């Protein structure tokens, strides 16, 4: 994703000045680099958390899994219904619809896993 952000920022930064942006789009490259840096930092933090949780085992709370996954399912389902209603003739919306539908189904799997943890202890 980071190379794509850098490429888009590079392309945008080469645009000429117009009546709204009298200095051009040169700042787009700097903004792209900041976004790239933030994504890198988030990725490193996620990696750190994953390694620390792998090394030191932690208890999994079934109720927390069920509650968070239920909220995610509700949001995903609302998004699916919203996108389904808007998908007339727009090319990219069916892909977004299918993506959110897959997210909703993944939430169902997490809810099921949380219930299993609650039942099995």
PDB file of N, CA and C in Angstrom:
ATOM      1  N   UNK A   1       0.823  -1.186   0.000  1.00  0.00           N
ATOM      2  CA  UNK A   1       0.000   0.000   0.000  1.00  0.00           C
ATOM      3  C   UNK A   1       0.871   1.255   0.000  1.00  0.00           C
ATOM      4  N   UNK A   2       1.962   1.201   0.747  1.00  0.00           N
ATOM      5  CA  UNK A   2       2.834   2.365   0.822  1.00  0.00           C
ATOM      6  C   UNK A   2       3.406   2.760  -0.538  1.00  0.00           C
ATOM      7  N   UNK A   3       3.852   1.800  -1.361  1.00  0.00           N
ATOM      8  CA  UNK A   3       4.336   2.215  -2.683  1.00  0.00           C
ATOM      9  C   UNK A   3       3.247   2.871  -3.539  1.00  0.00           C
ATOM     10  N   UNK A   4       2.022   2.408  -3.391  1.00  0.00           N
ATOM     11  CA  UNK A   4       0.922   3.008  -4.147  1.00  0.00           C
ATOM     12  C   UNK A   4       0.673   4.443  -3.695  1.00  0.00           C
ATOM     13  N   UNK A   5       0.732   4.677  -2.396  1.00  0.00           N
ATOM     14  CA  UNK A   5       0.549   6.038  -1.872  1.00  0.00           C
ATOM     15  C   UNK A   5       1.663   6.944  -2.377  1.00  0.00           C
ATOM     16  N   UNK A   6       2.887   6.435  -2.351  1.00  0.00           N
ATOM     17  CA  UNK A   6       4.018   7.223  -2.836  1.00  0.00           C
ATOM     18  C   UNK A   6       3.880   7.526  -4.320  1.00  0.00           C
ATOM     19  N   UNK A   7       3.460   6.546  -5.099  1.00  0.00           N
ATOM     20  CA  UNK A   7       3.296   6.749  -6.534  1.00  0.00           C
ATOM     21  C   UNK A   7       2.209   7.783  -6.835  1.00  0.00           C
ATOM     22  N   UNK A   8       1.076   7.656  -6.168  1.00  0.00           N
ATOM     23  CA  UNK A   8      -0.013   8.615  -6.393  1.00  0.00           C
ATOM     24  C   UNK A   8       0.416  10.015  -5.971  1.00  0.00           C
ATOM     25  N   UNK A   9       1.099  10.117  -4.833  1.00  0.00           N
ATOM     26  CA  UNK A   9       1.560  11.429  -4.379  1.00  0.00           C
ATOM     27  C   UNK A   9       2.552  12.029  -5.365  1.00  0.00           C
ATOM     28  N   UNK A  10       3.397  11.189  -5.916  1.00  0.00           N
ATOM     29  CA  UNK A  10       4.382  11.666  -6.907  1.00  0.00           C
ATOM     30  C   UNK A  10       3.687  12.171  -8.171  1.00  0.00           C
ATOM     31  N   UNK A  11       2.695  11.438  -8.625  1.00  0.00           N
ATOM     32  CA  UNK A  11       1.958  11.848  -9.830  1.00  0.00           C
ATOM     33  C   UNK A  11       1.206  13.154  -9.586  1.00  0.00           C
ATOM     34  N   UNK A  12       0.534  13.239  -8.440  1.00  0.00           N
ATOM     35  CA  UNK A  12      -0.242  14.444  -8.123  1.00  0.00           C
ATOM     36  C   UNK A  12       0.685  15.646  -7.953  1.00  0.00           C
ATOM     37  N   UNK A  13       1.845  15.436  -7.348  1.00  0.00           N
ATOM     38  CA  UNK A  13       2.744  16.570  -7.091  1.00  0.00           C
ATOM     39  C   UNK A  13       3.303  17.178  -8.371  1.00  0.00           C
ATOM     40  N   UNK A  14       3.249  16.471  -9.466  1.00  0.00           N
ATOM     41  CA  UNK A  14       3.763  16.995 -10.735  1.00  0.00           C
ATOM     42  C   UNK A  14       2.726  17.819 -11.502  1.00  0.00           C
ATOM     43  N   UNK A  15       1.509  17.883 -10.996  1.00  0.00           N
ATOM     44  CA  UNK A  15       0.492  18.693 -11.669  1.00  0.00           C
ATOM     45  C   UNK A  15       0.865  20.174 -11.589  1.00  0.00           C
ATOM     46  N   UNK A  16       0.512  20.884 -12.630  1.00  0.00           N
ATOM     47  CA  UNK A  16       0.817  22.311 -12.705  1.00  0.00           C
ATOM     48  C   UNK A  16      -0.137  23.115 -11.807  1.00  0.00           C
ATOM     49  N   UNK A  17       0.269  24.325 -11.536  1.00  0.00           N
ATOM     50  CA  UNK A  17      -0.569  25.234 -10.756  1.00  0.00           C
ATOM     51  C   UNK A  17      -1.823  25.592 -11.554  1.00  0.00           C
ATOM     52  N   UNK A  18      -2.893  25.879 -10.830  1.00  0.00           N
ATOM     53  CA  UNK A  18      -4.129  26.331 -11.468  1.00  0.00           C
ATOM     54  C   UNK A  18      -4.653  27.537 -10.686  1.00  0.00           C
ATOM     55  N   UNK A  19      -5.860  27.974 -11.001  1.00  0.00           N
ATOM     56  CA  UNK A  19      -6.384  29.178 -10.352  1.00  0.00           C
ATOM     57  C   UNK A  19      -6.683  28.973  -8.867  1.00  0.00           C
ATOM     58  N   UNK A  20      -6.884  27.735  -8.437  1.00  0.00           N
ATOM     59  CA  UNK A  20      -7.166  27.470  -7.014  1.00  0.00           C
ATOM     60  C   UNK A  20      -5.894  27.209  -6.223  1.00  0.00           C
ATOM     61  N   UNK A  21      -4.930  26.569  -6.836  1.00  0.00           N
ATOM     62  CA  UNK A  21      -3.681  26.234  -6.163  1.00  0.00           C
ATOM     63  C   UNK A  21      -2.536  26.896  -6.931  1.00  0.00           C
ATOM     64  N   UNK A  22      -2.258  28.110  -6.543  1.00  0.00           N
ATOM     65  CA  UNK A  22      -1.315  28.914  -7.315  1.00  0.00           C
ATOM     66  C   UNK A  22       0.122  28.412  -7.196  1.00  0.00           C
ATOM     67  N   UNK A  23       0.434  27.619  -6.187  1.00  0.00           N
ATOM     68  CA  UNK A  23       1.774  27.062  -6.056  1.00  0.00           C
ATOM     69  C   UNK A  23       1.844  25.628  -6.564  1.00  0.00           C
ATOM     70  N   UNK A  24       0.767  25.125  -7.131  1.00  0.00           N
ATOM     71  CA  UNK A  24       0.755  23.765  -7.655  1.00  0.00           C
ATOM     72  C   UNK A  24       0.418  22.742  -6.591  1.00  0.00           C
ATOM     73  N   UNK A  25       0.787  21.537  -6.856  1.00  0.00           N
ATOM     74  CA  UNK A  25       0.442  20.423  -5.974  1.00  0.00           C
ATOM     75  C   UNK A  25       1.697  19.809  -5.345  1.00  0.00           C
ATOM     76  N   UNK A  26       2.736  20.612  -5.163  1.00  0.00           N
ATOM     77  CA  UNK A  26       4.008  20.092  -4.662  1.00  0.00           C
ATOM     78  C   UNK A  26       3.901  19.501  -3.264  1.00  0.00           C
ATOM     79  N   UNK A  27       2.965  19.945  -2.484  1.00  0.00           N
ATOM     80  CA  UNK A  27       2.835  19.437  -1.118  1.00  0.00           C
ATOM     81  C   UNK A  27       2.268  18.024  -1.064  1.00  0.00           C
ATOM     82  N   UNK A  28       1.683  17.575  -2.140  1.00  0.00           N
ATOM     83  CA  UNK A  28       1.092  16.234  -2.150  1.00  0.00           C
ATOM     84  C   UNK A  28       2.134  15.170  -1.863  1.00  0.00           C
ATOM     85  N   UNK A  29       3.344  15.361  -2.338  1.00  0.00           N
ATOM     86  CA  UNK A  29       4.398  14.387  -2.094  1.00  0.00           C
ATOM     87  C   UNK A  29       4.756  14.332  -0.608  1.00  0.00           C
ATOM     88  N   UNK A  30       4.828  15.478   0.032  1.00  0.00           N
ATOM     89  CA  UNK A  30       5.129  15.508   1.469  1.00  0.00           C
ATOM     90  C   UNK A  30       4.006  14.871   2.274  1.00  0.00           C
ATOM     91  N   UNK A  31       2.772  15.144   1.888  1.00  0.00           N
ATOM     92  CA  UNK A  31       1.633  14.542   2.589  1.00  0.00           C
ATOM     93  C   UNK A  31       1.635  13.029   2.386  1.00  0.00           C
ATOM     94  N   UNK A  32       1.952  12.582   1.184  1.00  0.00           N
ATOM     95  CA  UNK A  32       2.052  11.153   0.918  1.00  0.00           C
ATOM     96  C   UNK A  32       3.109  10.487   1.763  1.00  0.00           C
ATOM     97  N   UNK A  33       4.233  11.154   1.954  1.00  0.00           N
ATOM     98  CA  UNK A  33       5.302  10.595   2.782  1.00  0.00           C
ATOM     99  C   UNK A  33       4.887  10.518   4.251  1.00  0.00           C
ATOM    100  N   UNK A  34       4.154  11.515   4.721  1.00  0.00           N
ATOM    101  CA  UNK A  34       3.673  11.481   6.102  1.00  0.00           C
ATOM    102  C   UNK A  34       2.694  10.312   6.296  1.00  0.00           C
ATOM    103  N   UNK A  35       1.789  10.139   5.343  1.00  0.00           N
ATOM    104  CA  UNK A  35       0.848   9.012   5.421  1.00  0.00           C
ATOM    105  C   UNK A  35       1.607   7.696   5.372  1.00  0.00           C
ATOM    106  N   UNK A  36       2.613   7.606   4.519  1.00  0.00           N
ATOM    107  CA  UNK A  36       3.443   6.413   4.422  1.00  0.00           C
ATOM    108  C   UNK A  36       4.147   6.142   5.749  1.00  0.00           C
ATOM    109  N   UNK A  37       4.696   7.163   6.370  1.00  0.00           N
ATOM    110  CA  UNK A  37       5.356   7.014   7.659  1.00  0.00           C
ATOM    111  C   UNK A  37       4.384   6.535   8.730  1.00  0.00           C
ATOM    112  N   UNK A  38       3.188   7.125   8.760  1.00  0.00           N
ATOM    113  CA  UNK A  38       2.191   6.713   9.754  1.00  0.00           C
ATOM    114  C   UNK A  38       1.779   5.250   9.564  1.00  0.00           C
ATOM    115  N   UNK A  39       1.599   4.843   8.306  1.00  0.00           N
ATOM    116  CA  UNK A  39       1.265   3.442   8.050  1.00  0.00           C
ATOM    117  C   UNK A  39       2.392   2.509   8.473  1.00  0.00           C
ATOM    118  N   UNK A  40       3.630   2.920   8.258  1.00  0.00           N
ATOM    119  CA  UNK A  40       4.772   2.120   8.680  1.00  0.00           C
ATOM    120  C   UNK A  40       4.810   1.993  10.199  1.00  0.00           C
ATOM    121  N   UNK A  41       4.580   3.093  10.905  1.00  0.00           N
ATOM    122  CA  UNK A  41       4.568   3.052  12.365  1.00  0.00           C
ATOM    123  C   UNK A  41       3.449   2.170  12.901  1.00  0.00           C
ATOM    124  N   UNK A  42       2.272   2.263  12.297  1.00  0.00           N
ATOM    125  CA  UNK A  42       1.159   1.407  12.720  1.00  0.00           C
ATOM    126  C   UNK A  42       1.498  -0.063  12.473  1.00  0.00           C
ATOM    127  N   UNK A  43       2.093  -0.362  11.330  1.00  0.00           N
ATOM    128  CA  UNK A  43       2.491  -1.730  11.029  1.00  0.00           C
ATOM    129  C   UNK A  43       3.521  -2.257  12.005  1.00  0.00           C
ATOM    130  N   UNK A  44       4.492  -1.433  12.362  1.00  0.00           N
ATOM    131  CA  UNK A  44       5.500  -1.848  13.339  1.00  0.00           C
ATOM    132  C   UNK A  44       4.879  -2.086  14.716  1.00  0.00           C
ATOM    133  N   UNK A  45       3.926  -1.248  15.096  1.00  0.00           N
ATOM    134  CA  UNK A  45       3.240  -1.441  16.379  1.00  0.00           C
ATOM    135  C   UNK A  45       2.441  -2.743  16.382  1.00  0.00           C
ATOM    136  N   UNK A  46       1.753  -3.029  15.288  1.00  0.00           N
ATOM    137  CA  UNK A  46       0.991  -4.278  15.191  1.00  0.00           C
ATOM    138  C   UNK A  46       1.937  -5.472  15.270  1.00  0.00           C
ATOM    139  N   UNK A  47       3.084  -5.389  14.610  1.00  0.00           N
ATOM    140  CA  UNK A  47       4.080  -6.456  14.670  1.00  0.00           C
ATOM    141  C   UNK A  47       4.590  -6.639  16.099  1.00  0.00           C
ATOM    142  N   UNK A  48       4.884  -5.539  16.787  1.00  0.00           N
ATOM    143  CA  UNK A  48       5.327  -5.605  18.172  1.00  0.00           C
ATOM    144  C   UNK A  48       4.284  -6.281  19.056  1.00  0.00           C
ATOM    145  N   UNK A  49       3.028  -5.881  18.912  1.00  0.00           N
ATOM    146  CA  UNK A  49       1.955  -6.481  19.709  1.00  0.00           C
ATOM    147  C   UNK A  49       1.805  -7.974  19.409  1.00  0.00           C
ATOM    148  N   UNK A  50       1.915  -8.345  18.139  1.00  0.00           N
ATOM    149  CA  UNK A  50       1.777  -9.752  17.764  1.00  0.00           C
ATOM    150  C   UNK A  50       2.885 -10.594  18.381  1.00  0.00           C
ATOM    151  N   UNK A  51       4.116 -10.103  18.316  1.00  0.00           N
ATOM    152  CA  UNK A  51       5.239 -10.862  18.879  1.00  0.00           C
ATOM    153  C   UNK A  51       5.113 -10.940  20.395  1.00  0.00           C
ATOM    154  N   UNK A  52       4.753  -9.842  21.037  1.00  0.00           N
ATOM    155  CA  UNK A  52       4.638  -9.859  22.506  1.00  0.00           C
ATOM    156  C   UNK A  52       3.501 -10.770  22.968  1.00  0.00           C
ATOM    157  N   UNK A  53       2.426 -10.857  22.208  1.00  0.00           N
ATOM    158  CA  UNK A  53       1.332 -11.764  22.584  1.00  0.00           C
ATOM    159  C   UNK A  53       1.669 -13.214  22.291  1.00  0.00           C
ATOM    160  N   UNK A  54       2.508 -13.436  21.282  1.00  0.00           N
ATOM    161  CA  UNK A  54       2.927 -14.800  20.961  1.00  0.00           C
ATOM    162  C   UNK A  54       3.895 -15.319  22.020  1.00  0.00           C
ATOM    163  N   UNK A  55       4.812 -14.469  22.474  1.00  0.00           N
ATOM    164  CA  UNK A  55       5.815 -14.877  23.454  1.00  0.00           C
ATOM    165  C   UNK A  55       5.180 -15.069  24.826  1.00  0.00           C
ATOM    166  N   UNK A  56       4.401 -14.120  25.273  1.00  0.00           N
ATOM    167  CA  UNK A  56       3.740 -14.206  26.570  1.00  0.00           C
ATOM    168  C   UNK A  56       2.264 -14.484  26.377  1.00  0.00           C
ATOM    169  N   UNK A  57       1.837 -15.687  26.688  1.00  0.00           N
ATOM    170  CA  UNK A  57       0.439 -16.053  26.433  1.00  0.00           C
ATOM    171  C   UNK A  57      -0.515 -15.235  27.304  1.00  0.00           C
ATOM    172  N   UNK A  58      -1.656 -14.930  26.734  1.00  0.00           N
ATOM    173  CA  UNK A  58      -2.685 -14.173  27.429  1.00  0.00           C
ATOM    174  C   UNK A  58      -3.998 -14.932  27.344  1.00  0.00           C
ATOM    175  N   UNK A  59      -4.806 -14.776  28.369  1.00  0.00           N
ATOM    176  CA  UNK A  59      -6.121 -15.406  28.359  1.00  0.00           C
ATOM    177  C   UNK A  59      -7.031 -14.687  27.370  1.00  0.00           C
ATOM    178  N   UNK A  60      -7.847 -15.460  26.680  1.00  0.00           N
ATOM    179  CA  UNK A  60      -8.810 -14.903  25.736  1.00  0.00           C
ATOM    180  C   UNK A  60     -10.150 -14.796  26.448  1.00  0.00           C
ATOM    181  N   UNK A  61     -10.730 -13.611  26.429  1.00  0.00           N
ATOM    182  CA  UNK A  61     -12.007 -13.374  27.077  1.00  0.00           C
ATOM    183  C   UNK A  61     -13.117 -13.590  26.054  1.00  0.00           C
ATOM    184  N   UNK A  62     -13.910 -14.645  26.270  1.00  0.00           N
ATOM    185  CA  UNK A  62     -14.963 -14.990  25.326  1.00  0.00           C
ATOM    186  C   UNK A  62     -16.032 -13.921  25.199  1.00  0.00           C
ATOM    187  N   UNK A  63     -16.418 -13.336  26.346  1.00  0.00           N
ATOM    188  CA  UNK A  63     -17.476 -12.321  26.296  1.00  0.00           C
ATOM    189  C   UNK A  63     -17.024 -11.088  25.524  1.00  0.00           C
ATOM    190  N   UNK A  64     -15.773 -10.693  25.714  1.00  0.00           N
ATOM    191  CA  UNK A  64     -15.263  -9.538  24.981  1.00  0.00           C
ATOM    192  C   UNK A  64     -15.258  -9.816  23.482  1.00  0.00           C
ATOM    193  N   UNK A  65     -14.870 -11.033  23.097  1.00  0.00           N
ATOM    194  CA  UNK A  65     -14.898 -11.405  21.683  1.00  0.00           C
ATOM    195  C   UNK A  65     -16.301 -11.316  21.116  1.00  0.00           C
ATOM    196  N   UNK A  66     -17.271 -11.857  21.850  1.00  0.00           N
ATOM    197  CA  UNK A  66     -18.655 -11.869  21.372  1.00  0.00           C
ATOM    198  C   UNK A  66     -19.205 -10.450  21.256  1.00  0.00           C
ATOM    199  N   UNK A  67     -18.925  -9.615  22.248  1.00  0.00           N
ATOM    200  CA  UNK A  67     -19.460  -8.251  22.241  1.00  0.00           C
ATOM    201  C   UNK A  67     -18.849  -7.430  21.105  1.00  0.00           C
ATOM    202  N   UNK A  68     -17.521  -7.462  20.979  1.00  0.00           N
ATOM    203  CA  UNK A  68     -16.866  -6.667  19.932  1.00  0.00           C
ATOM    204  C   UNK A  68     -17.260  -7.172  18.547  1.00  0.00           C
ATOM    205  N   UNK A  69     -17.299  -8.497  18.370  1.00  0.00           N
ATOM    206  CA  UNK A  69     -17.678  -9.050  17.065  1.00  0.00           C
ATOM    207  C   UNK A  69     -19.147  -8.756  16.747  1.00  0.00           C
ATOM    208  N   UNK A  70     -20.007  -8.708  17.756  1.00  0.00           N
ATOM    209  CA  UNK A  70     -21.414  -8.368  17.516  1.00  0.00           C
ATOM    210  C   UNK A  70     -21.560  -6.923  17.050  1.00  0.00           C
ATOM    211  N   UNK A  71     -20.787  -6.024  17.650  1.00  0.00           N
ATOM    212  CA  UNK A  71     -20.805  -4.629  17.212  1.00  0.00           C
ATOM    213  C   UNK A  71     -20.289  -4.532  15.778  1.00  0.00           C
ATOM    214  N   UNK A  72     -19.194  -5.237  15.488  1.00  0.00           N
ATOM    215  CA  UNK A  72     -18.645  -5.235  14.128  1.00  0.00           C
ATOM    216  C   UNK A  72     -19.643  -5.812  13.133  1.00  0.00           C
ATOM    217  N   UNK A  73     -20.340  -6.873  13.532  1.00  0.00           N
ATOM    218  CA  UNK A  73     -21.340  -7.472  12.651  1.00  0.00           C
ATOM    219  C   UNK A  73     -22.469  -6.496  12.363  1.00  0.00           C
ATOM    220  N   UNK A  74     -22.930  -5.785  13.396  1.00  0.00           N
ATOM    221  CA  UNK A  74     -24.013  -4.819  13.201  1.00  0.00           C
ATOM    222  C   UNK A  74     -23.584  -3.697  12.252  1.00  0.00           C
ATOM    223  N   UNK A  75     -22.375  -3.187  12.424  1.00  0.00           N
ATOM    224  CA  UNK A  75     -21.876  -2.124  11.553  1.00  0.00           C
ATOM    225  C   UNK A  75     -21.713  -2.648  10.125  1.00  0.00           C
ATOM    226  N   UNK A  76     -21.138  -3.845   9.982  1.00  0.00           N
ATOM    227  CA  UNK A  76     -20.953  -4.420   8.648  1.00  0.00           C
ATOM    228  C   UNK A  76     -22.286  -4.696   7.968  1.00  0.00           C
ATOM    229  N   UNK A  77     -23.249  -5.196   8.715  1.00  0.00           N
ATOM    230  CA  UNK A  77     -24.560  -5.472   8.137  1.00  0.00           C
ATOM    231  C   UNK A  77     -25.256  -4.178   7.697  1.00  0.00           C
ATOM    232  N   UNK A  78     -25.142  -3.134   8.520  1.00  0.00           N
ATOM    233  CA  UNK A  78     -25.725  -1.844   8.137  1.00  0.00           C
ATOM    234  C   UNK A  78     -25.053  -1.310   6.869  1.00  0.00           C
ATOM    235  N   UNK A  79     -23.738  -1.478   6.761  1.00  0.00           N
ATOM    236  CA  UNK A  79     -23.020  -1.032   5.569  1.00  0.00           C
ATOM    237  C   UNK A  79     -23.421  -1.848   4.348  1.00  0.00           C
ATOM    238  N   UNK A  80     -23.602  -3.160   4.535  1.00  0.00           N
ATOM    239  CA  UNK A  80     -24.036  -4.023   3.432  1.00  0.00           C
ATOM    240  C   UNK A  80     -25.398  -3.580   2.918  1.00  0.00           C
ATOM    241  N   UNK A  81     -26.316  -3.323   3.827  1.00  0.00           N
ATOM    242  CA  UNK A  81     -27.655  -2.892   3.415  1.00  0.00           C
ATOM    243  C   UNK A  81     -27.613  -1.525   2.734  1.00  0.00           C
ATOM    244  N   UNK A  82     -26.784  -0.635   3.242  1.00  0.00           N
ATOM    245  CA  UNK A  82     -26.630   0.687   2.638  1.00  0.00           C
ATOM    246  C   UNK A  82     -26.072   0.580   1.224  1.00  0.00           C
ATOM    247  N   UNK A  83     -25.023  -0.220   1.060  1.00  0.00           N
ATOM    248  CA  UNK A  83     -24.403  -0.369  -0.263  1.00  0.00           C
ATOM    249  C   UNK A  83     -25.319  -1.104  -1.232  1.00  0.00           C
ATOM    250  N   UNK A  84     -26.089  -2.047  -0.724  1.00  0.00           N
ATOM    251  CA  UNK A  84     -27.013  -2.783  -1.584  1.00  0.00           C
ATOM    252  C   UNK A  84     -28.063  -1.846  -2.168  1.00  0.00           C
ATOM    253  N   UNK A  85     -28.514  -0.899  -1.357  1.00  0.00           N
ATOM    254  CA  UNK A  85     -29.514   0.058  -1.830  1.00  0.00           C
ATOM    255  C   UNK A  85     -28.963   1.068  -2.815  1.00  0.00           C
ATOM    256  N   UNK A  86     -27.649   1.308  -2.791  1.00  0.00           N
ATOM    257  CA  UNK A  86     -27.046   2.319  -3.659  1.00  0.00           C
ATOM    258  C   UNK A  86     -26.407   1.746  -4.918  1.00  0.00           C
ATOM    259  N   UNK A  87     -26.407   0.445  -5.098  1.00  0.00           N
ATOM    260  CA  UNK A  87     -25.555  -0.170  -6.118  1.00  0.00           C
ATOM    261  C   UNK A  87     -26.106  -0.112  -7.539  1.00  0.00           C
ATOM    262  N   UNK A  88     -27.068   0.715  -7.825  1.00  0.00           N
ATOM    263  CA  UNK A  88     -27.631   0.794  -9.179  1.00  0.00           C
ATOM    264  C   UNK A  88     -26.683   1.501 -10.134  1.00  0.00           C
ATOM    265  N   UNK A  89     -26.050   0.751 -11.013  1.00  0.00           N
ATOM    266  CA  UNK A  89     -25.255   1.308 -12.090  1.00  0.00           C
ATOM    267  C   UNK A  89     -23.881   1.836 -11.724  1.00  0.00           C
ATOM    268  N   UNK A  90     -23.486   1.760 -10.470  1.00  0.00           N
ATOM    269  CA  UNK A  90     -22.163   2.236 -10.076  1.00  0.00           C
ATOM    270  C   UNK A  90     -21.213   1.051 -10.086  1.00  0.00           C
ATOM    271  N   UNK A  91     -20.096   1.195 -10.747  1.00  0.00           N
ATOM    272  CA  UNK A  91     -19.207   0.064 -11.012  1.00  0.00           C
ATOM    273  C   UNK A  91     -18.524  -0.454  -9.752  1.00  0.00           C
ATOM    274  N   UNK A  92     -18.019   0.404  -8.880  1.00  0.00           N
ATOM    275  CA  UNK A  92     -17.221  -0.032  -7.740  1.00  0.00           C
ATOM    276  C   UNK A  92     -18.037  -0.503  -6.548  1.00  0.00           C
ATOM    277  N   UNK A  93     -19.298  -0.161  -6.473  1.00  0.00           N
ATOM    278  CA  UNK A  93     -20.080  -0.514  -5.296  1.00  0.00           C
ATOM    279  C   UNK A  93     -20.286  -2.015  -5.112  1.00  0.00           C
ATOM    280  N   UNK A  94     -20.482  -2.802  -6.156  1.00  0.00           N
ATOM    281  CA  UNK A  94     -20.611  -4.245  -5.904  1.00  0.00           C
ATOM    282  C   UNK A  94     -19.381  -4.852  -5.232  1.00  0.00           C
ATOM    283  N   UNK A  95     -18.191  -4.371  -5.561  1.00  0.00           N
ATOM    284  CA  UNK A  95     -16.982  -4.867  -4.912  1.00  0.00           C
ATOM    285  C   UNK A  95     -16.980  -4.482  -3.435  1.00  0.00           C
ATOM    286  N   UNK A  96     -17.363  -3.258  -3.128  1.00  0.00           N
ATOM    287  CA  UNK A  96     -17.465  -2.834  -1.733  1.00  0.00           C
ATOM    288  C   UNK A  96     -18.526  -3.617  -0.982  1.00  0.00           C
ATOM    289  N   UNK A  97     -19.643  -3.890  -1.661  1.00  0.00           N
ATOM    290  CA  UNK A  97     -20.707  -4.691  -1.072  1.00  0.00           C
ATOM    291  C   UNK A  97     -20.199  -6.083  -0.711  1.00  0.00           C
ATOM    292  N   UNK A  98     -19.505  -6.722  -1.636  1.00  0.00           N
ATOM    293  CA  UNK A  98     -18.982  -8.066  -1.368  1.00  0.00           C
ATOM    294  C   UNK A  98     -17.918  -8.051  -0.276  1.00  0.00           C
ATOM    295  N   UNK A  99     -17.108  -7.014  -0.242  1.00  0.00           N
ATOM    296  CA  UNK A  99     -16.085  -6.901   0.788  1.00  0.00           C
ATOM    297  C   UNK A  99     -16.724  -6.796   2.172  1.00  0.00           C
ATOM    298  N   UNK A 100     -17.713  -5.931   2.302  1.00  0.00           N
ATOM    299  CA  UNK A 100     -18.375  -5.771   3.601  1.00  0.00           C
ATOM    300  C   UNK A 100     -19.178  -7.011   3.975  1.00  0.00           C
ATOM    301  N   UNK A 101     -19.733  -7.711   2.979  1.00  0.00           N
ATOM    302  CA  UNK A 101     -20.428  -8.969   3.252  1.00  0.00           C
ATOM    303  C   UNK A 101     -19.450 -10.000   3.801  1.00  0.00           C
ATOM    304  N   UNK A 102     -18.254 -10.068   3.232  1.00  0.00           N
ATOM    305  CA  UNK A 102     -17.225 -10.977   3.740  1.00  0.00           C
ATOM    306  C   UNK A 102     -16.815 -10.585   5.162  1.00  0.00           C
ATOM    307  N   UNK A 103     -16.726  -9.286   5.439  1.00  0.00           N
ATOM    308  CA  UNK A 103     -16.418  -8.833   6.797  1.00  0.00           C
ATOM    309  C   UNK A 103     -17.506  -9.254   7.783  1.00  0.00           C
ATOM    310  N   UNK A 104     -18.768  -9.138   7.364  1.00  0.00           N
ATOM    311  CA  UNK A 104     -19.876  -9.546   8.227  1.00  0.00           C
ATOM    312  C   UNK A 104     -19.815 -11.046   8.511  1.00  0.00           C
ATOM    313  N   UNK A 105     -19.506 -11.834   7.497  1.00  0.00           N
ATOM    314  CA  UNK A 105     -19.388 -13.283   7.705  1.00  0.00           C
ATOM    315  C   UNK A 105     -18.203 -13.619   8.605  1.00  0.00           C
ATOM    316  N   UNK A 106     -17.113 -12.882   8.487  1.00  0.00           N
ATOM    317  CA  UNK A 106     -15.975 -13.081   9.387  1.00  0.00           C
ATOM    318  C   UNK A 106     -16.372 -12.757  10.824  1.00  0.00           C
ATOM    319  N   UNK A 107     -17.186 -11.734  11.010  1.00  0.00           N
ATOM    320  CA  UNK A 107     -17.659 -11.393  12.361  1.00  0.00           C
ATOM    321  C   UNK A 107     -18.506 -12.514  12.939  1.00  0.00           C
ATOM    322  N   UNK A 108     -19.301 -13.161  12.092  1.00  0.00           N
ATOM    323  CA  UNK A 108     -20.089 -14.308  12.551  1.00  0.00           C
ATOM    324  C   UNK A 108     -19.155 -15.423  13.022  1.00  0.00           C
ATOM    325  N   UNK A 109     -18.069 -15.642  12.287  1.00  0.00           N
ATOM    326  CA  UNK A 109     -17.092 -16.650  12.703  1.00  0.00           C
ATOM    327  C   UNK A 109     -16.444 -16.316  14.033  1.00  0.00           C
ATOM    328  N   UNK A 110     -16.140 -15.038  14.260  1.00  0.00           N
ATOM    329  CA  UNK A 110     -15.545 -14.622  15.535  1.00  0.00           C
ATOM    330  C   UNK A 110     -16.558 -14.785  16.666  1.00  0.00           C
ATOM    331  N   UNK A 111     -17.818 -14.455  16.408  1.00  0.00           N
ATOM    332  CA  UNK A 111     -18.865 -14.659  17.423  1.00  0.00           C
ATOM    333  C   UNK A 111     -18.955 -16.137  17.779  1.00  0.00           C
ATOM    334  N   UNK A 112     -18.938 -16.997  16.769  1.00  0.00           N
ATOM    335  CA  UNK A 112     -18.979 -18.439  16.999  1.00  0.00           C
ATOM    336  C   UNK A 112     -17.772 -18.880  17.827  1.00  0.00           C
ATOM    337  N   UNK A 113     -16.589 -18.379  17.499  1.00  0.00           N
ATOM    338  CA  UNK A 113     -15.390 -18.712  18.269  1.00  0.00           C
ATOM    339  C   UNK A 113     -15.495 -18.252  19.711  1.00  0.00           C
ATOM    340  N   UNK A 114     -16.043 -17.059  19.931  1.00  0.00           N
ATOM    341  CA  UNK A 114     -16.226 -16.573  21.298  1.00  0.00           C
ATOM    342  C   UNK A 114     -17.196 -17.426  22.087  1.00  0.00           C
ATOM    343  N   UNK A 115     -18.264 -17.886  21.437  1.00  0.00           N
ATOM    344  CA  UNK A 115     -19.233 -18.764  22.106  1.00  0.00           C
ATOM    345  C   UNK A 115     -18.578 -20.090  22.468  1.00  0.00           C
ATOM    346  N   UNK A 116     -17.763 -20.631  21.553  1.00  0.00           N
ATOM    347  CA  UNK A 116     -17.040 -21.878  21.839  1.00  0.00           C
ATOM    348  C   UNK A 116     -16.115 -21.700  23.024  1.00  0.00           C
ATOM    349  N   UNK A 117     -15.408 -20.589  23.090  1.00  0.00           N
ATOM    350  CA  UNK A 117     -14.519 -20.317  24.229  1.00  0.00           C
ATOM    351  C   UNK A 117     -15.324 -20.227  25.516  1.00  0.00           C
ATOM    352  N   UNK A 118     -16.488 -19.571  25.467  1.00  0.00           N
ATOM    353  CA  UNK A 118     -17.332 -19.480  26.653  1.00  0.00           C
ATOM    354  C   UNK A 118     -17.826 -20.845  27.112  1.00  0.00           C
ATOM    355  N   UNK A 119     -18.185 -21.698  26.175  1.00  0.00           N
ATOM    356  CA  UNK A 119     -18.726 -23.013  26.523  1.00  0.00           C
ATOM    357  C   UNK A 119     -17.641 -23.996  26.975  1.00  0.00           C
ATOM    358  N   UNK A 120     -16.496 -23.955  26.338  1.00  0.00           N
ATOM    359  CA  UNK A 120     -15.424 -24.900  26.646  1.00  0.00           C
ATOM    360  C   UNK A 120     -14.493 -24.418  27.741  1.00  0.00           C
ATOM    361  N   UNK A 121     -14.510 -23.128  27.986  1.00  0.00           N
ATOM    362  CA  UNK A 121     -13.670 -22.567  29.032  1.00  0.00           C
ATOM    363  C   UNK A 121     -12.308 -22.414  28.611  1.00  0.00           C
TER     364      UNK A 121
END
